[in-house]
Amino acid sequence: MVKNMTTCSIAGLLADRSFLEYVLEADAKQAAYWKSYSDEHPHSRVVIARAKDILLHLDRPTPHFSDDEIEALKRRLKVSLYAGNSRKNG
């Protein structure tokens, strides 16, 4: 989970397992955390919204990332999520 939003970026959120679980797995615990965090840190809402938008639209063409970059990001996200889930269930 993000400890300090002043040093966090979109890239940081995309690498944050709790954020990935919130967006991609609709995890209720993480949703509650991120809502609370957003309420307590309103300046972070734009960064959170942009990172969430990126995750939800990975399959759409974008001028910001090449196809190779998108595929690499998807692979990293899957590895991160699977590694996190195996630690939870293991």
PDB file of N, CA and C in Angstrom:
ATOM      1  N   MET A   1       0.838  -1.186   0.000  1.00  0.00           N
ATOM      2  CA  MET A   1       0.000   0.000   0.000  1.00  0.00           C
ATOM      3  C   MET A   1       0.876   1.240   0.000  1.00  0.00           C
ATOM      4  N   VAL A   2       0.397   2.244  -0.612  1.00  0.00           N
ATOM      5  CA  VAL A   2       1.137   3.491  -0.706  1.00  0.00           C
ATOM      6  C   VAL A   2       1.278   4.097   0.685  1.00  0.00           C
ATOM      7  N   LYS A   3       2.498   4.395   1.051  1.00  0.00           N
ATOM      8  CA  LYS A   3       2.754   4.995   2.366  1.00  0.00           C
ATOM      9  C   LYS A   3       2.803   6.512   2.283  1.00  0.00           C
ATOM     10  N   ASN A   4       3.288   7.035   1.160  1.00  0.00           N
ATOM     11  CA  ASN A   4       3.486   8.469   1.043  1.00  0.00           C
ATOM     12  C   ASN A   4       3.216   8.888  -0.398  1.00  0.00           C
ATOM     13  N   MET A   5       2.077   9.488  -0.630  1.00  0.00           N
ATOM     14  CA  MET A   5       1.678   9.823  -1.987  1.00  0.00           C
ATOM     15  C   MET A   5       2.562  10.894  -2.598  1.00  0.00           C
ATOM     16  N   THR A   6       3.281  11.654  -1.797  1.00  0.00           N
ATOM     17  CA  THR A   6       4.134  12.688  -2.378  1.00  0.00           C
ATOM     18  C   THR A   6       5.263  12.066  -3.182  1.00  0.00           C
ATOM     19  N   THR A   7       5.644  10.839  -2.877  1.00  0.00           N
ATOM     20  CA  THR A   7       6.698  10.172  -3.634  1.00  0.00           C
ATOM     21  C   THR A   7       6.124   9.130  -4.577  1.00  0.00           C
ATOM     22  N   CYS A   8       4.828   8.991  -4.617  1.00  0.00           N
ATOM     23  CA  CYS A   8       4.187   7.992  -5.452  1.00  0.00           C
ATOM     24  C   CYS A   8       3.846   8.585  -6.812  1.00  0.00           C
ATOM     25  N   SER A   9       3.824   7.712  -7.788  1.00  0.00           N
ATOM     26  CA  SER A   9       3.511   8.123  -9.140  1.00  0.00           C
ATOM     27  C   SER A   9       2.566   7.098  -9.747  1.00  0.00           C
ATOM     28  N   ILE A  10       2.157   7.362 -10.951  1.00  0.00           N
ATOM     29  CA  ILE A  10       1.335   6.383 -11.657  1.00  0.00           C
ATOM     30  C   ILE A  10       2.097   5.065 -11.740  1.00  0.00           C
ATOM     31  N   ALA A  11       3.370   5.131 -12.082  1.00  0.00           N
ATOM     32  CA  ALA A  11       4.179   3.911 -12.168  1.00  0.00           C
ATOM     33  C   ALA A  11       4.229   3.196 -10.824  1.00  0.00           C
ATOM     34  N   GLY A  12       4.324   3.959  -9.742  1.00  0.00           N
ATOM     35  CA  GLY A  12       4.327   3.348  -8.413  1.00  0.00           C
ATOM     36  C   GLY A  12       3.029   2.631  -8.110  1.00  0.00           C
ATOM     37  N   LEU A  13       1.909   3.239  -8.479  1.00  0.00           N
ATOM     38  CA  LEU A  13       0.622   2.583  -8.262  1.00  0.00           C
ATOM     39  C   LEU A  13       0.498   1.328  -9.112  1.00  0.00           C
ATOM     40  N   LEU A  14       0.983   1.379 -10.340  1.00  0.00           N
ATOM     41  CA  LEU A  14       0.903   0.216 -11.221  1.00  0.00           C
ATOM     42  C   LEU A  14       1.759  -0.941 -10.725  1.00  0.00           C
ATOM     43  N   ALA A  15       2.688  -0.659  -9.836  1.00  0.00           N
ATOM     44  CA  ALA A  15       3.528  -1.695  -9.246  1.00  0.00           C
ATOM     45  C   ALA A  15       3.061  -2.087  -7.845  1.00  0.00           C
ATOM     46  N   ASP A  16       2.046  -1.431  -7.335  1.00  0.00           N
ATOM     47  CA  ASP A  16       1.557  -1.662  -5.977  1.00  0.00           C
ATOM     48  C   ASP A  16       0.509  -2.775  -5.985  1.00  0.00           C
ATOM     49  N   ARG A  17       0.829  -3.881  -5.316  1.00  0.00           N
ATOM     50  CA  ARG A  17      -0.061  -5.049  -5.327  1.00  0.00           C
ATOM     51  C   ARG A  17      -1.456  -4.716  -4.805  1.00  0.00           C
ATOM     52  N   SER A  18      -1.556  -3.912  -3.752  1.00  0.00           N
ATOM     53  CA  SER A  18      -2.873  -3.594  -3.212  1.00  0.00           C
ATOM     54  C   SER A  18      -3.696  -2.798  -4.221  1.00  0.00           C
ATOM     55  N   PHE A  19      -3.036  -1.914  -4.973  1.00  0.00           N
ATOM     56  CA  PHE A  19      -3.740  -1.150  -5.995  1.00  0.00           C
ATOM     57  C   PHE A  19      -4.201  -2.062  -7.123  1.00  0.00           C
ATOM     58  N   LEU A  20      -3.341  -2.990  -7.522  1.00  0.00           N
ATOM     59  CA  LEU A  20      -3.715  -3.942  -8.573  1.00  0.00           C
ATOM     60  C   LEU A  20      -4.907  -4.791  -8.143  1.00  0.00           C
ATOM     61  N   GLU A  21      -4.894  -5.241  -6.900  1.00  0.00           N
ATOM     62  CA  GLU A  21      -6.018  -6.035  -6.397  1.00  0.00           C
ATOM     63  C   GLU A  21      -7.298  -5.215  -6.377  1.00  0.00           C
ATOM     64  N   TYR A  22      -7.194  -3.965  -5.994  1.00  0.00           N
ATOM     65  CA  TYR A  22      -8.348  -3.059  -5.975  1.00  0.00           C
ATOM     66  C   TYR A  22      -8.941  -2.897  -7.366  1.00  0.00           C
ATOM     67  N   VAL A  23      -8.105  -2.648  -8.350  1.00  0.00           N
ATOM     68  CA  VAL A  23      -8.605  -2.361  -9.693  1.00  0.00           C
ATOM     69  C   VAL A  23      -8.956  -3.630 -10.468  1.00  0.00           C
ATOM     70  N   LEU A  24      -8.055  -4.594 -10.487  1.00  0.00           N
ATOM     71  CA  LEU A  24      -8.213  -5.755 -11.366  1.00  0.00           C
ATOM     72  C   LEU A  24      -9.009  -6.900 -10.762  1.00  0.00           C
ATOM     73  N   GLU A  25      -9.020  -6.994  -9.445  1.00  0.00           N
ATOM     74  CA  GLU A  25      -9.706  -8.114  -8.807  1.00  0.00           C
ATOM     75  C   GLU A  25     -10.926  -7.689  -8.004  1.00  0.00           C
ATOM     76  N   ALA A  26     -11.223  -6.401  -7.994  1.00  0.00           N
ATOM     77  CA  ALA A  26     -12.362  -5.861  -7.257  1.00  0.00           C
ATOM     78  C   ALA A  26     -12.358  -6.353  -5.806  1.00  0.00           C
ATOM     79  N   ASP A  27     -11.186  -6.333  -5.186  1.00  0.00           N
ATOM     80  CA  ASP A  27     -11.019  -6.766  -3.801  1.00  0.00           C
ATOM     81  C   ASP A  27     -11.670  -5.741  -2.870  1.00  0.00           C
ATOM     82  N   ALA A  28     -12.643  -6.179  -2.085  1.00  0.00           N
ATOM     83  CA  ALA A  28     -13.415  -5.267  -1.228  1.00  0.00           C
ATOM     84  C   ALA A  28     -12.543  -4.593  -0.172  1.00  0.00           C
ATOM     85  N   LYS A  29     -11.622  -5.324   0.412  1.00  0.00           N
ATOM     86  CA  LYS A  29     -10.736  -4.743   1.430  1.00  0.00           C
ATOM     87  C   LYS A  29      -9.882  -3.638   0.818  1.00  0.00           C
ATOM     88  N   GLN A  30      -9.328  -3.911  -0.361  1.00  0.00           N
ATOM     89  CA  GLN A  30      -8.496  -2.906  -1.019  1.00  0.00           C
ATOM     90  C   GLN A  30      -9.335  -1.724  -1.508  1.00  0.00           C
ATOM     91  N   ALA A  31     -10.552  -1.979  -1.959  1.00  0.00           N
ATOM     92  CA  ALA A  31     -11.442  -0.892  -2.386  1.00  0.00           C
ATOM     93  C   ALA A  31     -11.713   0.057  -1.217  1.00  0.00           C
ATOM     94  N   ALA A  32     -11.952  -0.503  -0.053  1.00  0.00           N
ATOM     95  CA  ALA A  32     -12.203   0.318   1.136  1.00  0.00           C
ATOM     96  C   ALA A  32     -10.951   1.136   1.486  1.00  0.00           C
ATOM     97  N   TYR A  33      -9.788   0.492   1.405  1.00  0.00           N
ATOM     98  CA  TYR A  33      -8.542   1.197   1.698  1.00  0.00           C
ATOM     99  C   TYR A  33      -8.345   2.370   0.733  1.00  0.00           C
ATOM    100  N   TRP A  34      -8.493   2.118  -0.565  1.00  0.00           N
ATOM    101  CA  TRP A  34      -8.229   3.169  -1.542  1.00  0.00           C
ATOM    102  C   TRP A  34      -9.268   4.277  -1.504  1.00  0.00           C
ATOM    103  N   LYS A  35     -10.503   3.959  -1.151  1.00  0.00           N
ATOM    104  CA  LYS A  35     -11.513   5.013  -0.982  1.00  0.00           C
ATOM    105  C   LYS A  35     -11.130   5.889   0.203  1.00  0.00           C
ATOM    106  N   SER A  36     -10.770   5.248   1.301  1.00  0.00           N
ATOM    107  CA  SER A  36     -10.360   5.988   2.487  1.00  0.00           C
ATOM    108  C   SER A  36      -9.119   6.838   2.199  1.00  0.00           C
ATOM    109  N   TYR A  37      -8.157   6.234   1.516  1.00  0.00           N
ATOM    110  CA  TYR A  37      -6.934   6.964   1.192  1.00  0.00           C
ATOM    111  C   TYR A  37      -7.257   8.179   0.327  1.00  0.00           C
ATOM    112  N   SER A  38      -8.097   7.991  -0.663  1.00  0.00           N
ATOM    113  CA  SER A  38      -8.481   9.078  -1.564  1.00  0.00           C
ATOM    114  C   SER A  38      -9.220  10.181  -0.807  1.00  0.00           C
ATOM    115  N   ASP A  39     -10.088   9.791   0.128  1.00  0.00           N
ATOM    116  CA  ASP A  39     -10.808  10.779   0.936  1.00  0.00           C
ATOM    117  C   ASP A  39      -9.857  11.588   1.821  1.00  0.00           C
ATOM    118  N   GLU A  40      -8.843  10.902   2.365  1.00  0.00           N
ATOM    119  CA  GLU A  40      -7.891  11.561   3.251  1.00  0.00           C
ATOM    120  C   GLU A  40      -6.827  12.357   2.490  1.00  0.00           C
ATOM    121  N   HIS A  41      -6.614  12.027   1.239  1.00  0.00           N
ATOM    122  CA  HIS A  41      -5.590  12.681   0.410  1.00  0.00           C
ATOM    123  C   HIS A  41      -6.207  13.102  -0.921  1.00  0.00           C
ATOM    124  N   PRO A  42      -7.073  14.098  -0.909  1.00  0.00           N
ATOM    125  CA  PRO A  42      -7.775  14.478  -2.141  1.00  0.00           C
ATOM    126  C   PRO A  42      -6.845  14.870  -3.286  1.00  0.00           C
ATOM    127  N   HIS A  43      -5.649  15.342  -2.967  1.00  0.00           N
ATOM    128  CA  HIS A  43      -4.685  15.699  -4.011  1.00  0.00           C
ATOM    129  C   HIS A  43      -4.211  14.475  -4.799  1.00  0.00           C
ATOM    130  N   SER A  44      -4.423  13.281  -4.261  1.00  0.00           N
ATOM    131  CA  SER A  44      -3.979  12.052  -4.920  1.00  0.00           C
ATOM    132  C   SER A  44      -5.002  11.508  -5.917  1.00  0.00           C
ATOM    133  N   ARG A  45      -6.183  12.064  -5.932  1.00  0.00           N
ATOM    134  CA  ARG A  45      -7.258  11.503  -6.755  1.00  0.00           C
ATOM    135  C   ARG A  45      -6.928  11.456  -8.241  1.00  0.00           C
ATOM    136  N   VAL A  46      -6.269  12.471  -8.754  1.00  0.00           N
ATOM    137  CA  VAL A  46      -5.947  12.495 -10.182  1.00  0.00           C
ATOM    138  C   VAL A  46      -4.970  11.375 -10.522  1.00  0.00           C
ATOM    139  N   VAL A  47      -3.948  11.196  -9.706  1.00  0.00           N
ATOM    140  CA  VAL A  47      -2.964  10.138  -9.953  1.00  0.00           C
ATOM    141  C   VAL A  47      -3.633   8.771  -9.868  1.00  0.00           C
ATOM    142  N   ILE A  48      -4.453   8.564  -8.855  1.00  0.00           N
ATOM    143  CA  ILE A  48      -5.151   7.294  -8.687  1.00  0.00           C
ATOM    144  C   ILE A  48      -6.072   7.038  -9.876  1.00  0.00           C
ATOM    145  N   ALA A  49      -6.808   8.033 -10.290  1.00  0.00           N
ATOM    146  CA  ALA A  49      -7.735   7.873 -11.422  1.00  0.00           C
ATOM    147  C   ALA A  49      -6.989   7.547 -12.709  1.00  0.00           C
ATOM    148  N   ARG A  50      -5.874   8.194 -12.934  1.00  0.00           N
ATOM    149  CA  ARG A  50      -5.095   7.924 -14.158  1.00  0.00           C
ATOM    150  C   ARG A  50      -4.521   6.513 -14.148  1.00  0.00           C
ATOM    151  N   ALA A  51      -3.990   6.091 -13.016  1.00  0.00           N
ATOM    152  CA  ALA A  51      -3.440   4.739 -12.926  1.00  0.00           C
ATOM    153  C   ALA A  51      -4.546   3.699 -13.110  1.00  0.00           C
ATOM    154  N   LYS A  52      -5.687   3.935 -12.503  1.00  0.00           N
ATOM    155  CA  LYS A  52      -6.822   3.015 -12.644  1.00  0.00           C
ATOM    156  C   LYS A  52      -7.270   2.958 -14.107  1.00  0.00           C
ATOM    157  N   ASP A  53      -7.332   4.096 -14.746  1.00  0.00           N
ATOM    158  CA  ASP A  53      -7.736   4.156 -16.150  1.00  0.00           C
ATOM    159  C   ASP A  53      -6.779   3.364 -17.035  1.00  0.00           C
ATOM    160  N   ILE A  54      -5.499   3.471 -16.777  1.00  0.00           N
ATOM    161  CA  ILE A  54      -4.510   2.705 -17.544  1.00  0.00           C
ATOM    162  C   ILE A  54      -4.772   1.219 -17.402  1.00  0.00           C
ATOM    163  N   LEU A  55      -4.977   0.765 -16.177  1.00  0.00           N
ATOM    164  CA  LEU A  55      -5.207  -0.663 -15.949  1.00  0.00           C
ATOM    165  C   LEU A  55      -6.484  -1.157 -16.619  1.00  0.00           C
ATOM    166  N   LEU A  56      -7.514  -0.352 -16.564  1.00  0.00           N
ATOM    167  CA  LEU A  56      -8.804  -0.781 -17.111  1.00  0.00           C
ATOM    168  C   LEU A  56      -8.855  -0.714 -18.635  1.00  0.00           C
ATOM    169  N   HIS A  57      -7.895  -0.034 -19.233  1.00  0.00           N
ATOM    170  CA  HIS A  57      -7.921   0.132 -20.687  1.00  0.00           C
ATOM    171  C   HIS A  57      -6.665  -0.406 -21.368  1.00  0.00           C
ATOM    172  N   LEU A  58      -6.052  -1.421 -20.786  1.00  0.00           N
ATOM    173  CA  LEU A  58      -4.823  -1.964 -21.348  1.00  0.00           C
ATOM    174  C   LEU A  58      -5.014  -2.563 -22.738  1.00  0.00           C
ATOM    175  N   ASP A  59      -6.210  -3.003 -23.049  1.00  0.00           N
ATOM    176  CA  ASP A  59      -6.440  -3.643 -24.338  1.00  0.00           C
ATOM    177  C   ASP A  59      -6.824  -2.660 -25.436  1.00  0.00           C
ATOM    178  N   ARG A  60      -6.945  -1.401 -25.108  1.00  0.00           N
ATOM    179  CA  ARG A  60      -7.288  -0.391 -26.107  1.00  0.00           C
ATOM    180  C   ARG A  60      -6.024   0.256 -26.657  1.00  0.00           C
ATOM    181  N   PRO A  61      -6.016   0.586 -27.941  1.00  0.00           N
ATOM    182  CA  PRO A  61      -4.844   1.279 -28.508  1.00  0.00           C
ATOM    183  C   PRO A  61      -4.641   2.626 -27.809  1.00  0.00           C
ATOM    184  N   THR A  62      -3.398   2.986 -27.599  1.00  0.00           N
ATOM    185  CA  THR A  62      -3.086   4.250 -26.946  1.00  0.00           C
ATOM    186  C   THR A  62      -1.837   4.856 -27.574  1.00  0.00           C
ATOM    187  N   PRO A  63      -1.814   6.171 -27.726  1.00  0.00           N
ATOM    188  CA  PRO A  63      -0.609   6.803 -28.265  1.00  0.00           C
ATOM    189  C   PRO A  63       0.506   6.912 -27.227  1.00  0.00           C
ATOM    190  N   HIS A  64       0.203   6.617 -25.966  1.00  0.00           N
ATOM    191  CA  HIS A  64       1.169   6.800 -24.888  1.00  0.00           C
ATOM    192  C   HIS A  64       2.136   5.634 -24.746  1.00  0.00           C
ATOM    193  N   PHE A  65       1.710   4.437 -25.144  1.00  0.00           N
ATOM    194  CA  PHE A  65       2.535   3.242 -24.987  1.00  0.00           C
ATOM    195  C   PHE A  65       2.516   2.436 -26.275  1.00  0.00           C
ATOM    196  N   SER A  66       3.640   1.834 -26.610  1.00  0.00           N
ATOM    197  CA  SER A  66       3.691   0.948 -27.771  1.00  0.00           C
ATOM    198  C   SER A  66       3.024  -0.379 -27.395  1.00  0.00           C
ATOM    199  N   ASP A  67       2.696  -1.175 -28.397  1.00  0.00           N
ATOM    200  CA  ASP A  67       2.108  -2.495 -28.140  1.00  0.00           C
ATOM    201  C   ASP A  67       3.050  -3.349 -27.297  1.00  0.00           C
ATOM    202  N   ASP A  68       4.337  -3.270 -27.579  1.00  0.00           N
ATOM    203  CA  ASP A  68       5.314  -4.045 -26.802  1.00  0.00           C
ATOM    204  C   ASP A  68       5.345  -3.605 -25.338  1.00  0.00           C
ATOM    205  N   GLU A  69       5.256  -2.299 -25.102  1.00  0.00           N
ATOM    206  CA  GLU A  69       5.238  -1.799 -23.724  1.00  0.00           C
ATOM    207  C   GLU A  69       3.989  -2.266 -22.988  1.00  0.00           C
ATOM    208  N   ILE A  70       2.862  -2.272 -23.668  1.00  0.00           N
ATOM    209  CA  ILE A  70       1.610  -2.727 -23.050  1.00  0.00           C
ATOM    210  C   ILE A  70       1.694  -4.209 -22.709  1.00  0.00           C
ATOM    211  N   GLU A  71       2.202  -5.010 -23.618  1.00  0.00           N
ATOM    212  CA  GLU A  71       2.338  -6.444 -23.351  1.00  0.00           C
ATOM    213  C   GLU A  71       3.310  -6.707 -22.201  1.00  0.00           C
ATOM    214  N   ALA A  72       4.393  -5.965 -22.143  1.00  0.00           N
ATOM    215  CA  ALA A  72       5.349  -6.119 -21.046  1.00  0.00           C
ATOM    216  C   ALA A  72       4.706  -5.743 -19.716  1.00  0.00           C
ATOM    217  N   LEU A  73       3.919  -4.670 -19.711  1.00  0.00           N
ATOM    218  CA  LEU A  73       3.225  -4.257 -18.496  1.00  0.00           C
ATOM    219  C   LEU A  73       2.230  -5.325 -18.055  1.00  0.00           C
ATOM    220  N   LYS A  74       1.484  -5.885 -18.998  1.00  0.00           N
ATOM    221  CA  LYS A  74       0.529  -6.946 -18.650  1.00  0.00           C
ATOM    222  C   LYS A  74       1.249  -8.133 -18.015  1.00  0.00           C
ATOM    223  N   ARG A  75       2.388  -8.522 -18.590  1.00  0.00           N
ATOM    224  CA  ARG A  75       3.145  -9.649 -18.027  1.00  0.00           C
ATOM    225  C   ARG A  75       3.602  -9.347 -16.605  1.00  0.00           C
ATOM    226  N   ARG A  76       4.128  -8.134 -16.393  1.00  0.00           N
ATOM    227  CA  ARG A  76       4.592  -7.765 -15.046  1.00  0.00           C
ATOM    228  C   ARG A  76       3.440  -7.743 -14.049  1.00  0.00           C
ATOM    229  N   LEU A  77       2.287  -7.247 -14.482  1.00  0.00           N
ATOM    230  CA  LEU A  77       1.123  -7.209 -13.596  1.00  0.00           C
ATOM    231  C   LEU A  77       0.690  -8.614 -13.212  1.00  0.00           C
ATOM    232  N   LYS A  78       0.644  -9.512 -14.196  1.00  0.00           N
ATOM    233  CA  LYS A  78       0.237 -10.891 -13.914  1.00  0.00           C
ATOM    234  C   LYS A  78       1.212 -11.555 -12.952  1.00  0.00           C
ATOM    235  N   VAL A  79       2.501 -11.365 -13.175  1.00  0.00           N
ATOM    236  CA  VAL A  79       3.509 -11.947 -12.291  1.00  0.00           C
ATOM    237  C   VAL A  79       3.336 -11.406 -10.883  1.00  0.00           C
ATOM    238  N   SER A  80       3.129 -10.111 -10.767  1.00  0.00           N
ATOM    239  CA  SER A  80       2.957  -9.486  -9.454  1.00  0.00           C
ATOM    240  C   SER A  80       1.726 -10.024  -8.743  1.00  0.00           C
ATOM    241  N   LEU A  81       0.621 -10.117  -9.459  1.00  0.00           N
ATOM    242  CA  LEU A  81      -0.612 -10.612  -8.846  1.00  0.00           C
ATOM    243  C   LEU A  81      -0.493 -12.077  -8.461  1.00  0.00           C
ATOM    244  N   TYR A  82       0.054 -12.899  -9.353  1.00  0.00           N
ATOM    245  CA  TYR A  82       0.182 -14.322  -9.040  1.00  0.00           C
ATOM    246  C   TYR A  82       1.133 -14.564  -7.888  1.00  0.00           C
ATOM    247  N   ALA A  83       2.217 -13.799  -7.821  1.00  0.00           N
ATOM    248  CA  ALA A  83       3.155 -13.931  -6.719  1.00  0.00           C
ATOM    249  C   ALA A  83       2.485 -13.541  -5.412  1.00  0.00           C
ATOM    250  N   GLY A  84       1.708 -12.487  -5.433  1.00  0.00           N
ATOM    251  CA  GLY A  84       0.983 -12.046  -4.239  1.00  0.00           C
ATOM    252  C   GLY A  84      -0.064 -13.050  -3.803  1.00  0.00           C
ATOM    253  N   ASN A  85      -0.779 -13.627  -4.757  1.00  0.00           N
ATOM    254  CA  ASN A  85      -1.813 -14.603  -4.423  1.00  0.00           C
ATOM    255  C   ASN A  85      -1.189 -15.883  -3.880  1.00  0.00           C
ATOM    256  N   SER A  86      -0.050 -16.312  -4.399  1.00  0.00           N
ATOM    257  CA  SER A  86       0.573 -17.534  -3.888  1.00  0.00           C
ATOM    258  C   SER A  86       1.070 -17.319  -2.468  1.00  0.00           C
ATOM    259  N   ARG A  87       1.525 -16.095  -2.136  1.00  0.00           N
ATOM    260  CA  ARG A  87       1.944 -15.810  -0.763  1.00  0.00           C
ATOM    261  C   ARG A  87       0.742 -15.791   0.175  1.00  0.00           C
ATOM    262  N   LYS A  88      -0.397 -15.295  -0.296  1.00  0.00           N
ATOM    263  CA  LYS A  88      -1.614 -15.245   0.533  1.00  0.00           C
ATOM    264  C   LYS A  88      -2.118 -16.660   0.803  1.00  0.00           C
ATOM    265  N   ASN A  89      -2.111 -17.478  -0.249  1.00  0.00           N
ATOM    266  CA  ASN A  89      -2.694 -18.815  -0.146  1.00  0.00           C
ATOM    267  C   ASN A  89      -1.706 -19.865   0.333  1.00  0.00           C
ATOM    268  N   GLY A  90      -0.420 -19.535   0.390  1.00  0.00           N
ATOM    269  CA  GLY A  90       0.607 -20.507   0.715  1.00  0.00           C
ATOM    270  C   GLY A  90       0.909 -20.624   2.132  1.00  0.00           C
TER     271      GLY A  90
END
